[in-house]
PDB file of N, CA and C in Angstrom:
ATOM      1  N   UNK A   1     -95.064  52.492 129.548  1.00  0.00           N
ATOM      2  CA  UNK A   1     -93.799  52.092 129.943  1.00  0.00           C
ATOM      3  C   UNK A   1     -93.627  51.969 131.465  1.00  0.00           C
ATOM      4  N   UNK A   2     -93.987  52.972 132.335  1.00  0.00           N
ATOM      5  CA  UNK A   2     -93.901  52.896 133.778  1.00  0.00           C
ATOM      6  C   UNK A   2     -95.207  52.649 134.310  1.00  0.00           C
ATOM      7  N   UNK A   3     -96.316  52.318 133.503  1.00  0.00           N
ATOM      8  CA  UNK A   3     -97.652  52.219 133.968  1.00  0.00           C
ATOM      9  C   UNK A   3     -97.959  50.765 134.363  1.00  0.00           C
ATOM     10  N   UNK A   4     -97.003  49.961 134.593  1.00  0.00           N
ATOM     11  CA  UNK A   4     -97.287  48.590 135.091  1.00  0.00           C
ATOM     12  C   UNK A   4     -97.767  48.609 136.468  1.00  0.00           C
ATOM     13  N   UNK A   5     -98.741  47.878 136.713  1.00  0.00           N
ATOM     14  CA  UNK A   5     -99.398  47.814 137.950  1.00  0.00           C
ATOM     15  C   UNK A   5     -98.510  46.964 138.902  1.00  0.00           C
ATOM     16  N   UNK A   6     -98.404  47.533 140.222  1.00  0.00           N
ATOM     17  CA  UNK A   6     -97.644  46.848 141.183  1.00  0.00           C
ATOM     18  C   UNK A   6     -98.601  45.916 141.975  1.00  0.00           C
ATOM     19  N   UNK A   7     -97.875  44.833 142.517  1.00  0.00           N
ATOM     20  CA  UNK A   7     -98.700  43.974 143.241  1.00  0.00           C
ATOM     21  C   UNK A   7     -99.174  44.485 144.633  1.00  0.00           C
ATOM     22  N   UNK A   8     -98.475  45.526 145.187  1.00  0.00           N
ATOM     23  CA  UNK A   8     -98.840  46.069 146.496  1.00  0.00           C
ATOM     24  C   UNK A   8     -99.212  47.521 146.284  1.00  0.00           C
ATOM     25  N   UNK A   9    -100.341  48.008 146.634  1.00  0.00           N
ATOM     26  CA  UNK A   9    -100.730  49.467 146.527  1.00  0.00           C
ATOM     27  C   UNK A   9    -100.000  50.151 147.660  1.00  0.00           C
ATOM     28  N   UNK A  10     -99.505  51.364 147.294  1.00  0.00           N
ATOM     29  CA  UNK A  10     -98.810  52.127 148.285  1.00  0.00           C
ATOM     30  C   UNK A  10     -99.813  52.951 149.149  1.00  0.00           C
ATOM     31  N   UNK A  11     -99.870  52.717 150.557  1.00  0.00           N
ATOM     32  CA  UNK A  11    -100.757  53.445 151.344  1.00  0.00           C
ATOM     33  C   UNK A  11    -100.005  54.640 151.813  1.00  0.00           C
ATOM     34  N   UNK A  12    -100.472  55.810 151.496  1.00  0.00           N
ATOM     35  CA  UNK A  12     -99.720  57.096 152.026  1.00  0.00           C
ATOM     36  C   UNK A  12    -100.738  57.743 152.989  1.00  0.00           C
ATOM     37  N   UNK A  13    -100.091  58.493 153.920  1.00  0.00           N
ATOM     38  CA  UNK A  13    -100.782  59.286 154.818  1.00  0.00           C
ATOM     39  C   UNK A  13    -100.238  60.742 154.685  1.00  0.00           C
ATOM     40  N   UNK A  14    -101.060  61.714 154.925  1.00  0.00           N
ATOM     41  CA  UNK A  14    -100.662  63.156 154.870  1.00  0.00           C
ATOM     42  C   UNK A  14    -100.730  63.759 156.200  1.00  0.00           C
ATOM     43  N   UNK A  15     -99.823  64.628 156.412  1.00  0.00           N
ATOM     44  CA  UNK A  15     -99.850  65.529 157.612  1.00  0.00           C
ATOM     45  C   UNK A  15     -99.838  66.914 157.163  1.00  0.00           C
ATOM     46  N   UNK A  16    -100.350  67.851 157.950  1.00  0.00           N
ATOM     47  CA  UNK A  16    -100.191  69.312 157.687  1.00  0.00           C
ATOM     48  C   UNK A  16    -100.852  69.671 156.328  1.00  0.00           C
ATOM     49  N   UNK A  17    -101.976  69.211 156.041  1.00  0.00           N
ATOM     50  CA  UNK A  17    -102.640  69.520 154.816  1.00  0.00           C
ATOM     51  C   UNK A  17    -101.892  69.050 153.580  1.00  0.00           C
ATOM     52  N   UNK A  18    -101.107  68.066 153.628  1.00  0.00           N
ATOM     53  CA  UNK A  18    -100.435  67.457 152.483  1.00  0.00           C
ATOM     54  C   UNK A  18     -99.001  68.016 152.356  1.00  0.00           C
ATOM     55  N   UNK A  19     -98.479  68.851 153.271  1.00  0.00           N
ATOM     56  CA  UNK A  19     -97.095  69.305 153.185  1.00  0.00           C
ATOM     57  C   UNK A  19     -96.184  68.083 153.510  1.00  0.00           C
ATOM     58  N   UNK A  20     -96.612  67.162 154.345  1.00  0.00           N
ATOM     59  CA  UNK A  20     -95.806  66.096 154.711  1.00  0.00           C
ATOM     60  C   UNK A  20     -96.534  64.717 154.350  1.00  0.00           C
ATOM     61  N   UNK A  21     -95.953  63.935 153.606  1.00  0.00           N
ATOM     62  CA  UNK A  21     -96.463  62.620 153.049  1.00  0.00           C
ATOM     63  C   UNK A  21     -95.486  61.528 153.323  1.00  0.00           C
ATOM     64  N   UNK A  22     -96.088  60.401 154.031  1.00  0.00           N
ATOM     65  CA  UNK A  22     -95.203  59.156 154.289  1.00  0.00           C
ATOM     66  C   UNK A  22     -95.975  58.000 154.013  1.00  0.00           C
ATOM     67  N   UNK A  23     -95.267  56.962 153.861  1.00  0.00           N
ATOM     68  CA  UNK A  23     -95.939  55.591 153.702  1.00  0.00           C
ATOM     69  C   UNK A  23     -96.460  55.137 154.988  1.00  0.00           C
ATOM     70  N   UNK A  24     -97.539  54.568 155.052  1.00  0.00           N
ATOM     71  CA  UNK A  24     -98.072  53.949 156.319  1.00  0.00           C
ATOM     72  C   UNK A  24     -97.198  52.847 156.685  1.00  0.00           C
ATOM     73  N   UNK A  25     -97.262  52.488 158.038  1.00  0.00           N
ATOM     74  CA  UNK A  25     -96.480  51.417 158.608  1.00  0.00           C
ATOM     75  C   UNK A  25     -94.966  51.576 158.424  1.00  0.00           C
ATOM     76  N   UNK A  26     -94.420  52.775 158.479  1.00  0.00           N
ATOM     77  CA  UNK A  26     -93.044  53.037 158.358  1.00  0.00           C
ATOM     78  C   UNK A  26     -92.540  53.455 159.759  1.00  0.00           C
ATOM     79  N   UNK A  27     -91.368  52.951 160.189  1.00  0.00           N
ATOM     80  CA  UNK A  27     -90.789  53.399 161.473  1.00  0.00           C
ATOM     81  C   UNK A  27     -89.817  54.525 161.273  1.00  0.00           C
ATOM     82  N   UNK A  28     -89.348  55.067 162.442  1.00  0.00           N
ATOM     83  CA  UNK A  28     -88.373  56.040 162.383  1.00  0.00           C
ATOM     84  C   UNK A  28     -87.020  55.529 161.896  1.00  0.00           C
ATOM     85  N   UNK A  29     -86.290  56.107 160.996  1.00  0.00           N
ATOM     86  CA  UNK A  29     -84.956  55.442 160.479  1.00  0.00           C
ATOM     87  C   UNK A  29     -83.999  55.449 161.637  1.00  0.00           C
ATOM     88  N   UNK A  30     -83.129  54.447 161.612  1.00  0.00           N
ATOM     89  CA  UNK A  30     -82.253  54.186 162.755  1.00  0.00           C
ATOM     90  C   UNK A  30     -81.247  55.320 162.815  1.00  0.00           C
ATOM     91  N   UNK A  31     -80.885  56.083 161.814  1.00  0.00           N
ATOM     92  CA  UNK A  31     -80.028  57.286 161.843  1.00  0.00           C
ATOM     93  C   UNK A  31     -80.666  58.368 162.679  1.00  0.00           C
ATOM     94  N   UNK A  32     -82.034  58.514 162.660  1.00  0.00           N
ATOM     95  CA  UNK A  32     -82.612  59.620 163.466  1.00  0.00           C
ATOM     96  C   UNK A  32     -82.771  59.167 164.847  1.00  0.00           C
ATOM     97  N   UNK A  33     -83.000  57.794 165.103  1.00  0.00           N
ATOM     98  CA  UNK A  33     -82.992  57.264 166.394  1.00  0.00           C
ATOM     99  C   UNK A  33     -81.712  57.510 167.152  1.00  0.00           C
ATOM    100  N   UNK A  34     -80.558  57.537 166.377  1.00  0.00           N
ATOM    101  CA  UNK A  34     -79.275  57.775 166.987  1.00  0.00           C
ATOM    102  C   UNK A  34     -79.003  59.242 167.090  1.00  0.00           C
ATOM    103  N   UNK A  35     -79.512  60.139 166.042  1.00  0.00           N
ATOM    104  CA  UNK A  35     -79.137  61.539 165.982  1.00  0.00           C
ATOM    105  C   UNK A  35     -79.940  62.344 167.024  1.00  0.00           C
ATOM    106  N   UNK A  36     -81.131  61.988 167.447  1.00  0.00           N
ATOM    107  CA  UNK A  36     -81.963  62.660 168.473  1.00  0.00           C
ATOM    108  C   UNK A  36     -81.131  62.841 169.666  1.00  0.00           C
ATOM    109  N   UNK A  37     -80.794  61.662 170.425  1.00  0.00           N
ATOM    110  CA  UNK A  37     -80.033  61.871 171.693  1.00  0.00           C
ATOM    111  C   UNK A  37     -78.700  62.631 171.534  1.00  0.00           C
ATOM    112  N   UNK A  38     -77.938  62.280 170.514  1.00  0.00           N
ATOM    113  CA  UNK A  38     -76.552  62.926 170.410  1.00  0.00           C
ATOM    114  C   UNK A  38     -76.680  64.350 170.235  1.00  0.00           C
ATOM    115  N   UNK A  39     -77.602  64.914 169.339  1.00  0.00           N
ATOM    116  CA  UNK A  39     -77.753  66.248 169.138  1.00  0.00           C
ATOM    117  C   UNK A  39     -78.350  66.938 170.348  1.00  0.00           C
ATOM    118  N   UNK A  40     -79.424  66.378 171.007  1.00  0.00           N
ATOM    119  CA  UNK A  40     -80.057  66.910 172.152  1.00  0.00           C
ATOM    120  C   UNK A  40     -79.058  66.951 173.349  1.00  0.00           C
ATOM    121  N   UNK A  41     -78.324  65.939 173.524  1.00  0.00           N
ATOM    122  CA  UNK A  41     -77.360  65.942 174.715  1.00  0.00           C
ATOM    123  C   UNK A  41     -76.245  66.991 174.509  1.00  0.00           C
ATOM    124  N   UNK A  42     -75.779  67.116 173.245  1.00  0.00           N
ATOM    125  CA  UNK A  42     -74.794  68.067 172.956  1.00  0.00           C
ATOM    126  C   UNK A  42     -75.394  69.528 173.231  1.00  0.00           C
ATOM    127  N   UNK A  43     -76.650  69.780 172.844  1.00  0.00           N
ATOM    128  CA  UNK A  43     -77.147  71.050 173.118  1.00  0.00           C
ATOM    129  C   UNK A  43     -77.229  71.416 174.626  1.00  0.00           C
ATOM    130  N   UNK A  44     -77.835  70.545 175.327  1.00  0.00           N
ATOM    131  CA  UNK A  44     -77.818  70.631 176.785  1.00  0.00           C
ATOM    132  C   UNK A  44     -76.527  70.932 177.374  1.00  0.00           C
ATOM    133  N   UNK A  45     -75.512  70.054 176.991  1.00  0.00           N
ATOM    134  CA  UNK A  45     -74.190  70.299 177.512  1.00  0.00           C
ATOM    135  C   UNK A  45     -73.645  71.566 177.164  1.00  0.00           C
ATOM    136  N   UNK A  46     -73.851  72.049 175.992  1.00  0.00           N
ATOM    137  CA  UNK A  46     -73.431  73.401 175.409  1.00  0.00           C
ATOM    138  C   UNK A  46     -73.995  74.575 176.380  1.00  0.00           C
ATOM    139  N   UNK A  47     -75.243  74.367 176.611  1.00  0.00           N
ATOM    140  CA  UNK A  47     -75.948  75.285 177.513  1.00  0.00           C
ATOM    141  C   UNK A  47     -75.197  75.509 178.901  1.00  0.00           C
ATOM    142  N   UNK A  48     -74.876  74.250 179.471  1.00  0.00           N
ATOM    143  CA  UNK A  48     -74.168  74.291 180.685  1.00  0.00           C
ATOM    144  C   UNK A  48     -72.769  74.756 180.644  1.00  0.00           C
ATOM    145  N   UNK A  49     -72.068  74.352 179.680  1.00  0.00           N
ATOM    146  CA  UNK A  49     -70.497  74.741 179.545  1.00  0.00           C
ATOM    147  C   UNK A  49     -70.396  76.170 179.360  1.00  0.00           C
ATOM    148  N   UNK A  50     -71.244  76.670 178.389  1.00  0.00           N
ATOM    149  CA  UNK A  50     -71.104  78.089 178.110  1.00  0.00           C
ATOM    150  C   UNK A  50     -72.151  78.937 178.738  1.00  0.00           C
ATOM    151  N   UNK A  51     -72.504  78.586 180.007  1.00  0.00           N
ATOM    152  CA  UNK A  51     -73.556  79.387 180.784  1.00  0.00           C
ATOM    153  C   UNK A  51     -73.206  80.768 180.873  1.00  0.00           C
ATOM    154  N   UNK A  52     -72.008  81.082 181.148  1.00  0.00           N
ATOM    155  CA  UNK A  52     -71.494  82.550 181.417  1.00  0.00           C
ATOM    156  C   UNK A  52     -70.861  83.138 180.163  1.00  0.00           C
ATOM    157  N   UNK A  53     -70.857  82.505 179.038  1.00  0.00           N
ATOM    158  CA  UNK A  53     -70.241  82.883 177.811  1.00  0.00           C
ATOM    159  C   UNK A  53     -68.900  82.346 177.479  1.00  0.00           C
ATOM    160  N   UNK A  54     -68.321  82.725 176.498  1.00  0.00           N
ATOM    161  CA  UNK A  54     -66.938  82.142 176.167  1.00  0.00           C
ATOM    162  C   UNK A  54     -65.934  82.979 176.857  1.00  0.00           C
ATOM    163  N   UNK A  55     -65.714  82.860 178.182  1.00  0.00           N
ATOM    164  CA  UNK A  55     -64.862  83.792 178.934  1.00  0.00           C
ATOM    165  C   UNK A  55     -63.320  83.432 178.741  1.00  0.00           C
ATOM    166  N   UNK A  56     -62.974  82.223 178.246  1.00  0.00           N
ATOM    167  CA  UNK A  56     -61.642  81.883 178.065  1.00  0.00           C
ATOM    168  C   UNK A  56     -61.143  82.156 176.510  1.00  0.00           C
ATOM    169  N   UNK A  57     -61.878  82.807 175.688  1.00  0.00           N
ATOM    170  CA  UNK A  57     -61.529  83.022 174.327  1.00  0.00           C
ATOM    171  C   UNK A  57     -60.291  84.038 174.382  1.00  0.00           C
ATOM    172  N   UNK A  58     -59.541  83.861 173.406  1.00  0.00           N
ATOM    173  CA  UNK A  58     -58.257  84.728 173.451  1.00  0.00           C
ATOM    174  C   UNK A  58     -58.574  86.097 173.012  1.00  0.00           C
ATOM    175  N   UNK A  59     -59.477  86.417 172.208  1.00  0.00           N
ATOM    176  CA  UNK A  59     -59.829  87.831 171.725  1.00  0.00           C
ATOM    177  C   UNK A  59     -60.981  88.432 172.486  1.00  0.00           C
ATOM    178  N   UNK A  60     -62.124  87.722 172.554  1.00  0.00           N
ATOM    179  CA  UNK A  60     -63.244  88.327 173.059  1.00  0.00           C
ATOM    180  C   UNK A  60     -63.584  87.958 174.576  1.00  0.00           C
ATOM    181  N   UNK A  61     -62.704  87.225 175.089  1.00  0.00           N
ATOM    182  CA  UNK A  61     -62.894  86.663 176.528  1.00  0.00           C
ATOM    183  C   UNK A  61     -62.835  87.830 177.452  1.00  0.00           C
ATOM    184  N   UNK A  62     -62.042  88.849 177.226  1.00  0.00           N
ATOM    185  CA  UNK A  62     -62.010  90.013 178.141  1.00  0.00           C
ATOM    186  C   UNK A  62     -63.322  90.714 178.074  1.00  0.00           C
ATOM    187  N   UNK A  63     -63.896  90.948 177.022  1.00  0.00           N
ATOM    188  CA  UNK A  63     -65.162  91.551 176.892  1.00  0.00           C
ATOM    189  C   UNK A  63     -66.284  90.732 177.432  1.00  0.00           C
ATOM    190  N   UNK A  64     -66.246  89.526 177.302  1.00  0.00           N
ATOM    191  CA  UNK A  64     -67.361  88.656 177.963  1.00  0.00           C
ATOM    192  C   UNK A  64     -67.196  88.671 179.431  1.00  0.00           C
ATOM    193  N   UNK A  65     -65.961  88.625 179.990  1.00  0.00           N
ATOM    194  CA  UNK A  65     -65.813  88.724 181.478  1.00  0.00           C
ATOM    195  C   UNK A  65     -66.276  90.106 181.996  1.00  0.00           C
ATOM    196  N   UNK A  66     -65.947  91.093 181.248  1.00  0.00           N
ATOM    197  CA  UNK A  66     -66.343  92.500 181.715  1.00  0.00           C
ATOM    198  C   UNK A  66     -67.937  92.605 181.634  1.00  0.00           C
ATOM    199  N   UNK A  67     -68.542  92.128 180.586  1.00  0.00           N
ATOM    200  CA  UNK A  67     -70.000  92.045 180.437  1.00  0.00           C
ATOM    201  C   UNK A  67     -70.552  91.317 181.696  1.00  0.00           C
ATOM    202  N   UNK A  68     -70.010  90.164 182.033  1.00  0.00           N
ATOM    203  CA  UNK A  68     -70.529  89.352 183.202  1.00  0.00           C
ATOM    204  C   UNK A  68     -70.315  90.089 184.576  1.00  0.00           C
ATOM    205  N   UNK A  69     -69.239  90.992 184.669  1.00  0.00           N
ATOM    206  CA  UNK A  69     -69.032  91.729 185.830  1.00  0.00           C
ATOM    207  C   UNK A  69     -70.182  92.849 185.898  1.00  0.00           C
ATOM    208  N   UNK A  70     -70.561  93.425 184.835  1.00  0.00           N
ATOM    209  CA  UNK A  70     -71.551  94.542 184.820  1.00  0.00           C
ATOM    210  C   UNK A  70     -72.987  94.024 184.889  1.00  0.00           C
ATOM    211  N   UNK A  71     -73.223  92.735 184.506  1.00  0.00           N
ATOM    212  CA  UNK A  71     -74.628  92.362 184.583  1.00  0.00           C
ATOM    213  C   UNK A  71     -74.758  91.118 185.707  1.00  0.00           C
ATOM    214  N   UNK A  72     -75.893  90.973 186.031  1.00  0.00           N
ATOM    215  CA  UNK A  72     -76.092  89.828 186.984  1.00  0.00           C
ATOM    216  C   UNK A  72     -76.227  88.617 186.276  1.00  0.00           C
ATOM    217  N   UNK A  73     -75.619  87.466 186.779  1.00  0.00           N
ATOM    218  CA  UNK A  73     -75.878  86.109 186.150  1.00  0.00           C
ATOM    219  C   UNK A  73     -76.970  85.490 186.826  1.00  0.00           C
ATOM    220  N   UNK A  74     -77.541  84.556 186.089  1.00  0.00           N
ATOM    221  CA  UNK A  74     -78.655  83.838 186.704  1.00  0.00           C
ATOM    222  C   UNK A  74     -78.433  82.319 186.479  1.00  0.00           C
ATOM    223  N   UNK A  75     -77.507  81.662 187.218  1.00  0.00           N
ATOM    224  CA  UNK A  75     -77.207  80.284 186.912  1.00  0.00           C
ATOM    225  C   UNK A  75     -78.384  79.373 187.283  1.00  0.00           C
ATOM    226  N   UNK A  76     -79.292  79.744 188.105  1.00  0.00           N
ATOM    227  CA  UNK A  76     -80.497  78.948 188.472  1.00  0.00           C
ATOM    228  C   UNK A  76     -81.377  78.839 187.249  1.00  0.00           C
ATOM    229  N   UNK A  77     -81.573  79.917 186.568  1.00  0.00           N
ATOM    230  CA  UNK A  77     -82.422  79.979 185.423  1.00  0.00           C
ATOM    231  C   UNK A  77     -81.874  79.128 184.294  1.00  0.00           C
ATOM    232  N   UNK A  78     -80.509  79.228 184.146  1.00  0.00           N
ATOM    233  CA  UNK A  78     -79.818  78.545 183.053  1.00  0.00           C
ATOM    234  C   UNK A  78     -79.923  77.050 183.400  1.00  0.00           C
ATOM    235  N   UNK A  79     -79.737  76.613 184.638  1.00  0.00           N
ATOM    236  CA  UNK A  79     -79.852  75.172 184.974  1.00  0.00           C
ATOM    237  C   UNK A  79     -81.281  74.693 184.775  1.00  0.00           C
ATOM    238  N   UNK A  80     -82.303  75.554 185.074  1.00  0.00           N
ATOM    239  CA  UNK A  80     -83.657  75.189 184.726  1.00  0.00           C
ATOM    240  C   UNK A  80     -83.902  74.952 183.320  1.00  0.00           C
ATOM    241  N   UNK A  81     -83.418  75.830 182.471  1.00  0.00           N
ATOM    242  CA  UNK A  81     -83.531  75.791 181.042  1.00  0.00           C
ATOM    243  C   UNK A  81     -82.835  74.349 180.560  1.00  0.00           C
ATOM    244  N   UNK A  82     -81.613  74.245 180.987  1.00  0.00           N
ATOM    245  CA  UNK A  82     -80.890  72.963 180.695  1.00  0.00           C
ATOM    246  C   UNK A  82     -81.667  71.742 181.207  1.00  0.00           C
ATOM    247  N   UNK A  83     -82.320  71.802 182.314  1.00  0.00           N
ATOM    248  CA  UNK A  83     -83.145  70.752 182.737  1.00  0.00           C
ATOM    249  C   UNK A  83     -84.346  70.519 182.009  1.00  0.00           C
ATOM    250  N   UNK A  84     -84.966  71.568 181.620  1.00  0.00           N
ATOM    251  CA  UNK A  84     -86.130  71.394 180.644  1.00  0.00           C
ATOM    252  C   UNK A  84     -85.715  70.838 179.208  1.00  0.00           C
ATOM    253  N   UNK A  85     -84.532  71.245 178.851  1.00  0.00           N
ATOM    254  CA  UNK A  85     -83.998  70.652 177.570  1.00  0.00           C
ATOM    255  C   UNK A  85     -83.711  69.221 177.717  1.00  0.00           C
ATOM    256  N   UNK A  86     -83.156  68.832 178.953  1.00  0.00           N
ATOM    257  CA  UNK A  86     -82.934  67.406 179.033  1.00  0.00           C
ATOM    258  C   UNK A  86     -84.120  66.528 179.173  1.00  0.00           C
ATOM    259  N   UNK A  87     -85.165  67.134 179.812  1.00  0.00           N
ATOM    260  CA  UNK A  87     -86.531  66.430 179.842  1.00  0.00           C
ATOM    261  C   UNK A  87     -86.991  66.246 178.398  1.00  0.00           C
ATOM    262  N   UNK A  88     -86.889  67.241 177.584  1.00  0.00           N
ATOM    263  CA  UNK A  88     -87.313  67.138 176.190  1.00  0.00           C
ATOM    264  C   UNK A  88     -86.524  66.044 175.376  1.00  0.00           C
ATOM    265  N   UNK A  89     -85.137  66.040 175.657  1.00  0.00           N
ATOM    266  CA  UNK A  89     -84.444  65.090 175.023  1.00  0.00           C
ATOM    267  C   UNK A  89     -84.764  63.725 175.378  1.00  0.00           C
ATOM    268  N   UNK A  90     -85.069  63.477 176.690  1.00  0.00           N
ATOM    269  CA  UNK A  90     -85.338  62.178 177.190  1.00  0.00           C
ATOM    270  C   UNK A  90     -86.679  61.767 176.645  1.00  0.00           C
ATOM    271  N   UNK A  91     -87.805  62.726 176.484  1.00  0.00           N
ATOM    272  CA  UNK A  91     -89.013  62.270 175.961  1.00  0.00           C
ATOM    273  C   UNK A  91     -88.810  62.040 174.398  1.00  0.00           C
ATOM    274  N   UNK A  92     -87.920  62.648 173.626  1.00  0.00           N
ATOM    275  CA  UNK A  92     -87.717  62.514 172.309  1.00  0.00           C
ATOM    276  C   UNK A  92     -87.172  61.068 172.141  1.00  0.00           C
ATOM    277  N   UNK A  93     -86.148  60.694 172.985  1.00  0.00           N
ATOM    278  CA  UNK A  93     -85.578  59.312 173.004  1.00  0.00           C
ATOM    279  C   UNK A  93     -86.617  58.248 173.226  1.00  0.00           C
ATOM    280  N   UNK A  94     -87.442  58.422 174.195  1.00  0.00           N
ATOM    281  CA  UNK A  94     -88.585  57.546 174.568  1.00  0.00           C
ATOM    282  C   UNK A  94     -89.413  57.392 173.324  1.00  0.00           C
ATOM    283  N   UNK A  95     -89.804  58.464 172.708  1.00  0.00           N
ATOM    284  CA  UNK A  95     -90.615  58.389 171.559  1.00  0.00           C
ATOM    285  C   UNK A  95     -89.977  57.736 170.297  1.00  0.00           C
ATOM    286  N   UNK A  96     -88.625  57.887 170.157  1.00  0.00           N
ATOM    287  CA  UNK A  96     -87.997  57.276 169.031  1.00  0.00           C
ATOM    288  C   UNK A  96     -87.774  55.737 169.237  1.00  0.00           C
ATOM    289  N   UNK A  97     -87.545  55.320 170.532  1.00  0.00           N
ATOM    290  CA  UNK A  97     -87.309  53.893 170.555  1.00  0.00           C
ATOM    291  C   UNK A  97     -88.384  52.971 171.032  1.00  0.00           C
ATOM    292  N   UNK A  98     -89.448  53.625 171.210  1.00  0.00           N
ATOM    293  CA  UNK A  98     -90.689  52.828 171.610  1.00  0.00           C
ATOM    294  C   UNK A  98     -91.290  51.949 170.439  1.00  0.00           C
ATOM    295  N   UNK A  99     -91.981  51.122 170.755  1.00  0.00           N
ATOM    296  CA  UNK A  99     -92.613  50.101 169.736  1.00  0.00           C
ATOM    297  C   UNK A  99     -93.521  50.963 168.889  1.00  0.00           C
ATOM    298  N   UNK A 100     -93.351  50.802 167.581  1.00  0.00           N
ATOM    299  CA  UNK A 100     -94.144  51.503 166.517  1.00  0.00           C
ATOM    300  C   UNK A 100     -95.511  51.048 166.492  1.00  0.00           C
ATOM    301  N   UNK A 101     -96.513  51.976 166.556  1.00  0.00           N
ATOM    302  CA  UNK A 101     -97.876  51.465 166.346  1.00  0.00           C
ATOM    303  C   UNK A 101     -98.505  52.656 165.376  1.00  0.00           C
ATOM    304  N   UNK A 102     -99.334  52.114 164.445  1.00  0.00           N
ATOM    305  CA  UNK A 102    -100.030  52.906 163.449  1.00  0.00           C
ATOM    306  C   UNK A 102    -101.301  53.454 164.009  1.00  0.00           C
ATOM    307  N   UNK A 103    -101.625  54.693 163.768  1.00  0.00           N
ATOM    308  CA  UNK A 103    -102.871  55.319 164.166  1.00  0.00           C
ATOM    309  C   UNK A 103    -104.015  54.727 163.455  1.00  0.00           C
TER     310      UNK A 103
END
């Protein structure tokens, strides 16, 4: 019943010892090409906006401000982490939009 031969054989390739299988000559779906930069930029922005915690929250903002007073902040390290995250997002965007070539 479903044993009819197809005119095109499906070429599959495996990654990670068969855990991931995909058809050869397939490109990244457009949804993922759009999702990579949106999610990545949101995460980098979140790191910068909430660098010192949620200090303006109505309930726990007082505790966060008190914690920030008692501990040393490291804005330089947080900007470094956000910068590394931005570099990663840019590399991912370049990878997603570049011309597809099969190995």
